[in-house]
Amino acid sequence: PEGTGALREVLPKQGQLSVEDTAAMVL
């Protein structure tokens, strides 16, 4: 459908979900 963009969010039904967008200190 139009308006949703080219990418669709997919969440796993089994296993672990990992997120790599954590804020870290930059030296």
PDB file of all heavy atoms in Angstrom:
ATOM      1  N   PRO A   1       0.835  -1.203   0.000  1.00  0.00           N
ATOM      2  CA  PRO A   1       0.000   0.000   0.000  1.00  0.00           C
ATOM      3  C   PRO A   1       0.867   1.249   0.000  1.00  0.00           C
ATOM      4  O   PRO A   1       1.965   1.260   0.538  1.00  0.00           O
ATOM      5  CB  PRO A   1      -0.812  -0.115   1.289  1.00  0.00           C
ATOM      6  CG  PRO A   1      -0.240  -1.240   2.062  1.00  0.00           C
ATOM      7  CD  PRO A   1       0.686  -1.991   1.182  1.00  0.00           C
ATOM      8  N   GLU A   2       0.364   2.269  -0.627  1.00  0.00           N
ATOM      9  CA  GLU A   2       1.139   3.514  -0.713  1.00  0.00           C
ATOM     10  C   GLU A   2       1.171   4.220   0.639  1.00  0.00           C
ATOM     11  O   GLU A   2       0.274   4.106   1.445  1.00  0.00           O
ATOM     12  CB  GLU A   2       0.500   4.428  -1.754  1.00  0.00           C
ATOM     13  CG  GLU A   2       0.683   3.928  -3.158  1.00  0.00           C
ATOM     14  CD  GLU A   2       0.173   4.928  -4.164  1.00  0.00           C
ATOM     15  OE1 GLU A   2       0.282   6.135  -3.917  1.00  0.00           O
ATOM     16  OE2 GLU A   2      -0.325   4.495  -5.195  1.00  0.00           O
ATOM     17  N   GLY A   3       2.275   4.949   0.882  1.00  0.00           N
ATOM     18  CA  GLY A   3       2.399   5.712   2.105  1.00  0.00           C
ATOM     19  C   GLY A   3       3.114   4.964   3.225  1.00  0.00           C
ATOM     20  O   GLY A   3       3.412   5.538   4.251  1.00  0.00           O
ATOM     21  N   THR A   4       3.375   3.675   3.084  1.00  0.00           N
ATOM     22  CA  THR A   4       4.054   2.934   4.138  1.00  0.00           C
ATOM     23  C   THR A   4       5.558   2.911   3.929  1.00  0.00           C
ATOM     24  O   THR A   4       6.285   2.494   4.807  1.00  0.00           O
ATOM     25  CB  THR A   4       3.537   1.487   4.229  1.00  0.00           C
ATOM     26  OG1 THR A   4       3.748   0.850   2.971  1.00  0.00           O
ATOM     27  CG2 THR A   4       2.080   1.460   4.613  1.00  0.00           C
ATOM     28  N   GLY A   5       6.043   3.296   2.789  1.00  0.00           N
ATOM     29  CA  GLY A   5       7.474   3.308   2.542  1.00  0.00           C
ATOM     30  C   GLY A   5       7.918   2.035   1.853  1.00  0.00           C
ATOM     31  O   GLY A   5       7.133   1.111   1.610  1.00  0.00           O
ATOM     32  N   ALA A   6       9.196   1.950   1.552  1.00  0.00           N
ATOM     33  CA  ALA A   6       9.716   0.802   0.827  1.00  0.00           C
ATOM     34  C   ALA A   6      10.076  -0.346   1.752  1.00  0.00           C
ATOM     35  O   ALA A   6      10.183  -1.480   1.314  1.00  0.00           O
ATOM     36  CB  ALA A   6      10.940   1.217   0.028  1.00  0.00           C
ATOM     37  N   LEU A   7      10.257  -0.101   3.040  1.00  0.00           N
ATOM     38  CA  LEU A   7      10.664  -1.137   3.976  1.00  0.00           C
ATOM     39  C   LEU A   7       9.537  -1.467   4.938  1.00  0.00           C
ATOM     40  O   LEU A   7       8.785  -0.587   5.370  1.00  0.00           O
ATOM     41  CB  LEU A   7      11.903  -0.698   4.772  1.00  0.00           C
ATOM     42  CG  LEU A   7      13.147  -0.407   3.954  1.00  0.00           C
ATOM     43  CD1 LEU A   7      14.246   0.123   4.845  1.00  0.00           C
ATOM     44  CD2 LEU A   7      13.613  -1.650   3.210  1.00  0.00           C
ATOM     45  N   ARG A   8       9.480  -2.740   5.277  1.00  0.00           N
ATOM     46  CA  ARG A   8       8.445  -3.201   6.187  1.00  0.00           C
ATOM     47  C   ARG A   8       9.135  -3.776   7.420  1.00  0.00           C
ATOM     48  O   ARG A   8      10.138  -4.477   7.314  1.00  0.00           O
ATOM     49  CB  ARG A   8       7.621  -4.264   5.489  1.00  0.00           C
ATOM     50  CG  ARG A   8       6.354  -4.629   6.152  1.00  0.00           C
ATOM     51  CD  ARG A   8       5.509  -5.485   5.237  1.00  0.00           C
ATOM     52  NE  ARG A   8       6.229  -6.637   4.710  1.00  0.00           N
ATOM     53  CZ  ARG A   8       6.057  -7.881   5.150  1.00  0.00           C
ATOM     54  NH1 ARG A   8       5.203  -8.125   6.108  1.00  0.00           N
ATOM     55  NH2 ARG A   8       6.722  -8.865   4.621  1.00  0.00           N
ATOM     56  N   GLU A   9       8.648  -3.473   8.609  1.00  0.00           N
ATOM     57  CA  GLU A   9       9.239  -3.964   9.847  1.00  0.00           C
ATOM     58  C   GLU A   9       8.881  -5.427  10.047  1.00  0.00           C
ATOM     59  O   GLU A   9       7.733  -5.827   9.901  1.00  0.00           O
ATOM     60  CB  GLU A   9       8.719  -3.141  11.022  1.00  0.00           C
ATOM     61  CG  GLU A   9       9.359  -3.503  12.331  1.00  0.00           C
ATOM     62  CD  GLU A   9       8.831  -2.640  13.450  1.00  0.00           C
ATOM     63  OE1 GLU A   9       7.785  -3.010  14.021  1.00  0.00           O
ATOM     64  OE2 GLU A   9       9.455  -1.607  13.745  1.00  0.00           O
ATOM     65  N   VAL A  10       9.927  -6.228  10.344  1.00  0.00           N
ATOM     66  CA  VAL A  10       9.711  -7.654  10.558  1.00  0.00           C
ATOM     67  C   VAL A  10      10.220  -8.004  11.942  1.00  0.00           C
ATOM     68  O   VAL A  10      11.388  -7.783  12.250  1.00  0.00           O
ATOM     69  CB  VAL A  10      10.469  -8.496   9.499  1.00  0.00           C
ATOM     70  CG1 VAL A  10      10.290  -9.982   9.776  1.00  0.00           C
ATOM     71  CG2 VAL A  10       9.997  -8.146   8.108  1.00  0.00           C
ATOM     72  N   LEU A  11       9.357  -8.567  12.792  1.00  0.00           N
ATOM     73  CA  LEU A  11       9.742  -8.991  14.130  1.00  0.00           C
ATOM     74  C   LEU A  11       9.746 -10.511  14.175  1.00  0.00           C
ATOM     75  O   LEU A  11       8.822 -11.151  13.675  1.00  0.00           O
ATOM     76  CB  LEU A  11       8.779  -8.432  15.176  1.00  0.00           C
ATOM     77  CG  LEU A  11       8.763  -6.914  15.324  1.00  0.00           C
ATOM     78  CD1 LEU A  11       7.682  -6.498  16.295  1.00  0.00           C
ATOM     79  CD2 LEU A  11      10.103  -6.422  15.771  1.00  0.00           C
ATOM     80  N   PRO A  12      10.794 -11.115  14.764  1.00  0.00           N
ATOM     81  CA  PRO A  12      10.832 -12.578  14.828  1.00  0.00           C
ATOM     82  C   PRO A  12       9.792 -13.116  15.817  1.00  0.00           C
ATOM     83  O   PRO A  12       9.517 -12.503  16.841  1.00  0.00           O
ATOM     84  CB  PRO A  12      12.253 -12.874  15.303  1.00  0.00           C
ATOM     85  CG  PRO A  12      12.674 -11.655  16.025  1.00  0.00           C
ATOM     86  CD  PRO A  12      11.986 -10.515  15.362  1.00  0.00           C
ATOM     87  N   LYS A  13       9.244 -14.265  15.486  1.00  0.00           N
ATOM     88  CA  LYS A  13       8.264 -14.883  16.383  1.00  0.00           C
ATOM     89  C   LYS A  13       8.945 -15.789  17.386  1.00  0.00           C
ATOM     90  O   LYS A  13       8.408 -16.085  18.428  1.00  0.00           O
ATOM     91  CB  LYS A  13       7.243 -15.658  15.566  1.00  0.00           C
ATOM     92  CG  LYS A  13       6.440 -14.730  14.694  1.00  0.00           C
ATOM     93  CD  LYS A  13       5.339 -15.480  14.004  1.00  0.00           C
ATOM     94  CE  LYS A  13       4.734 -14.656  12.949  1.00  0.00           C
ATOM     95  NZ  LYS A  13       3.697 -13.946  12.926  1.00  0.00           N
ATOM     96  N   GLN A  14      10.187 -16.226  17.097  1.00  0.00           N
ATOM     97  CA  GLN A  14      10.960 -17.055  18.008  1.00  0.00           C
ATOM     98  C   GLN A  14      12.363 -16.458  18.111  1.00  0.00           C
ATOM     99  O   GLN A  14      12.823 -15.748  17.215  1.00  0.00           O
ATOM    100  CB  GLN A  14      11.090 -18.482  17.476  1.00  0.00           C
ATOM    101  CG  GLN A  14       9.847 -19.292  17.577  1.00  0.00           C
ATOM    102  CD  GLN A  14      10.107 -20.703  17.085  1.00  0.00           C
ATOM    103  OE1 GLN A  14      10.992 -20.937  16.290  1.00  0.00           O
ATOM    104  NE2 GLN A  14       9.306 -21.637  17.576  1.00  0.00           N
ATOM    105  N   GLY A  15      13.060 -16.786  19.196  1.00  0.00           N
ATOM    106  CA  GLY A  15      14.438 -16.356  19.352  1.00  0.00           C
ATOM    107  C   GLY A  15      14.554 -15.009  20.041  1.00  0.00           C
ATOM    108  O   GLY A  15      13.591 -14.490  20.611  1.00  0.00           O
ATOM    109  N   GLN A  16      15.718 -14.456  19.957  1.00  0.00           N
ATOM    110  CA  GLN A  16      15.987 -13.187  20.636  1.00  0.00           C
ATOM    111  C   GLN A  16      16.002 -12.049  19.623  1.00  0.00           C
ATOM    112  O   GLN A  16      16.393 -12.223  18.478  1.00  0.00           O
ATOM    113  CB  GLN A  16      17.339 -13.231  21.335  1.00  0.00           C
ATOM    114  CG  GLN A  16      17.392 -14.195  22.491  1.00  0.00           C
ATOM    115  CD  GLN A  16      18.750 -14.181  23.168  1.00  0.00           C
ATOM    116  OE1 GLN A  16      19.718 -13.689  22.615  1.00  0.00           O
ATOM    117  NE2 GLN A  16      18.811 -14.726  24.374  1.00  0.00           N
ATOM    118  N   LEU A  17      15.595 -10.919  20.108  1.00  0.00           N
ATOM    119  CA  LEU A  17      15.629  -9.714  19.295  1.00  0.00           C
ATOM    120  C   LEU A  17      16.781  -8.863  19.788  1.00  0.00           C
ATOM    121  O   LEU A  17      16.868  -8.546  20.971  1.00  0.00           O
ATOM    122  CB  LEU A  17      14.313  -8.946  19.435  1.00  0.00           C
ATOM    123  CG  LEU A  17      14.227  -7.614  18.699  1.00  0.00           C
ATOM    124  CD1 LEU A  17      14.308  -7.842  17.193  1.00  0.00           C
ATOM    125  CD2 LEU A  17      12.950  -6.898  19.052  1.00  0.00           C
ATOM    126  N   SER A  18      17.703  -8.532  18.923  1.00  0.00           N
ATOM    127  CA  SER A  18      18.848  -7.710  19.345  1.00  0.00           C
ATOM    128  C   SER A  18      18.764  -6.350  18.679  1.00  0.00           C
ATOM    129  O   SER A  18      18.408  -6.231  17.513  1.00  0.00           O
ATOM    130  CB  SER A  18      20.173  -8.385  18.982  1.00  0.00           C
ATOM    131  OG  SER A  18      20.304  -8.465  17.585  1.00  0.00           O
ATOM    132  N   VAL A  19      19.087  -5.354  19.455  1.00  0.00           N
ATOM    133  CA  VAL A  19      19.083  -3.984  18.957  1.00  0.00           C
ATOM    134  C   VAL A  19      20.492  -3.441  19.071  1.00  0.00           C
ATOM    135  O   VAL A  19      21.120  -3.524  20.130  1.00  0.00           O
ATOM    136  CB  VAL A  19      18.096  -3.114  19.771  1.00  0.00           C
ATOM    137  CG1 VAL A  19      18.133  -1.683  19.291  1.00  0.00           C
ATOM    138  CG2 VAL A  19      16.709  -3.687  19.687  1.00  0.00           C
ATOM    139  N   GLU A  20      21.005  -2.886  18.001  1.00  0.00           N
ATOM    140  CA  GLU A  20      22.379  -2.393  17.997  1.00  0.00           C
ATOM    141  C   GLU A  20      22.466  -0.867  18.029  1.00  0.00           C
ATOM    142  O   GLU A  20      23.533  -0.306  17.908  1.00  0.00           O
ATOM    143  CB  GLU A  20      23.116  -2.929  16.770  1.00  0.00           C
ATOM    144  CG  GLU A  20      23.273  -4.427  16.802  1.00  0.00           C
ATOM    145  CD  GLU A  20      24.046  -4.947  15.609  1.00  0.00           C
ATOM    146  OE1 GLU A  20      24.692  -4.131  14.926  1.00  0.00           O
ATOM    147  OE2 GLU A  20      23.998  -6.154  15.375  1.00  0.00           O
ATOM    148  N   ASP A  21      21.356  -0.209  18.182  1.00  0.00           N
ATOM    149  CA  ASP A  21      21.354   1.253  18.215  1.00  0.00           C
ATOM    150  C   ASP A  21      21.449   1.758  19.646  1.00  0.00           C
ATOM    151  O   ASP A  21      20.573   2.455  20.142  1.00  0.00           O
ATOM    152  CB  ASP A  21      20.095   1.811  17.560  1.00  0.00           C
ATOM    153  CG  ASP A  21      20.125   1.677  16.064  1.00  0.00           C
ATOM    154  OD1 ASP A  21      21.225   1.516  15.506  1.00  0.00           O
ATOM    155  OD2 ASP A  21      19.053   1.734  15.438  1.00  0.00           O
ATOM    156  N   THR A  22      22.496   1.385  20.339  1.00  0.00           N
ATOM    157  CA  THR A  22      22.681   1.862  21.703  1.00  0.00           C
ATOM    158  C   THR A  22      23.620   3.060  21.687  1.00  0.00           C
ATOM    159  O   THR A  22      24.584   3.097  20.915  1.00  0.00           O
ATOM    160  CB  THR A  22      23.269   0.765  22.603  1.00  0.00           C
ATOM    161  OG1 THR A  22      24.504   0.341  22.049  1.00  0.00           O
ATOM    162  CG2 THR A  22      22.329  -0.419  22.710  1.00  0.00           C
ATOM    163  N   ALA A  23      23.330   4.009  22.514  1.00  0.00           N
ATOM    164  CA  ALA A  23      24.180   5.203  22.604  1.00  0.00           C
ATOM    165  C   ALA A  23      25.452   4.843  23.356  1.00  0.00           C
ATOM    166  O   ALA A  23      25.416   4.207  24.402  1.00  0.00           O
ATOM    167  CB  ALA A  23      23.445   6.325  23.321  1.00  0.00           C
ATOM    168  N   ALA A  24      26.579   5.235  22.805  1.00  0.00           N
ATOM    169  CA  ALA A  24      27.865   4.948  23.439  1.00  0.00           C
ATOM    170  C   ALA A  24      28.677   6.235  23.486  1.00  0.00           C
ATOM    171  O   ALA A  24      28.475   7.144  22.675  1.00  0.00           O
ATOM    172  CB  ALA A  24      28.616   3.878  22.656  1.00  0.00           C
ATOM    173  N   MET A  25      29.585   6.271  24.439  1.00  0.00           N
ATOM    174  CA  MET A  25      30.453   7.442  24.546  1.00  0.00           C
ATOM    175  C   MET A  25      31.469   7.423  23.414  1.00  0.00           C
ATOM    176  O   MET A  25      32.002   6.380  23.064  1.00  0.00           O
ATOM    177  CB  MET A  25      31.175   7.445  25.887  1.00  0.00           C
ATOM    178  CG  MET A  25      30.270   7.735  27.050  1.00  0.00           C
ATOM    179  SD  MET A  25      31.098   7.724  28.659  1.00  0.00           S
ATOM    180  CE  MET A  25      32.609   8.532  28.351  1.00  0.00           C
ATOM    181  N   VAL A  26      31.716   8.579  22.858  1.00  0.00           N
ATOM    182  CA  VAL A  26      32.720   8.699  21.811  1.00  0.00           C
ATOM    183  C   VAL A  26      33.898   9.444  22.406  1.00  0.00           C
ATOM    184  O   VAL A  26      33.750  10.560  22.916  1.00  0.00           O
ATOM    185  CB  VAL A  26      32.159   9.480  20.598  1.00  0.00           C
ATOM    186  CG1 VAL A  26      33.228   9.665  19.552  1.00  0.00           C
ATOM    187  CG2 VAL A  26      30.954   8.754  20.037  1.00  0.00           C
ATOM    188  N   LEU A  27      35.060   8.821  22.382  1.00  0.00           N
ATOM    189  CA  LEU A  27      36.253   9.441  22.945  1.00  0.00           C
ATOM    190  C   LEU A  27      36.913  10.335  21.904  1.00  0.00           C
ATOM    191  O   LEU A  27      37.045   9.959  20.747  1.00  0.00           O
ATOM    192  CB  LEU A  27      37.240   8.363  23.415  1.00  0.00           C
ATOM    193  CG  LEU A  27      36.696   7.432  24.495  1.00  0.00           C
ATOM    194  CD1 LEU A  27      37.725   6.372  24.824  1.00  0.00           C
ATOM    195  CD2 LEU A  27      36.334   8.206  25.731  1.00  0.00           C
TER     196      LEU A  27
END
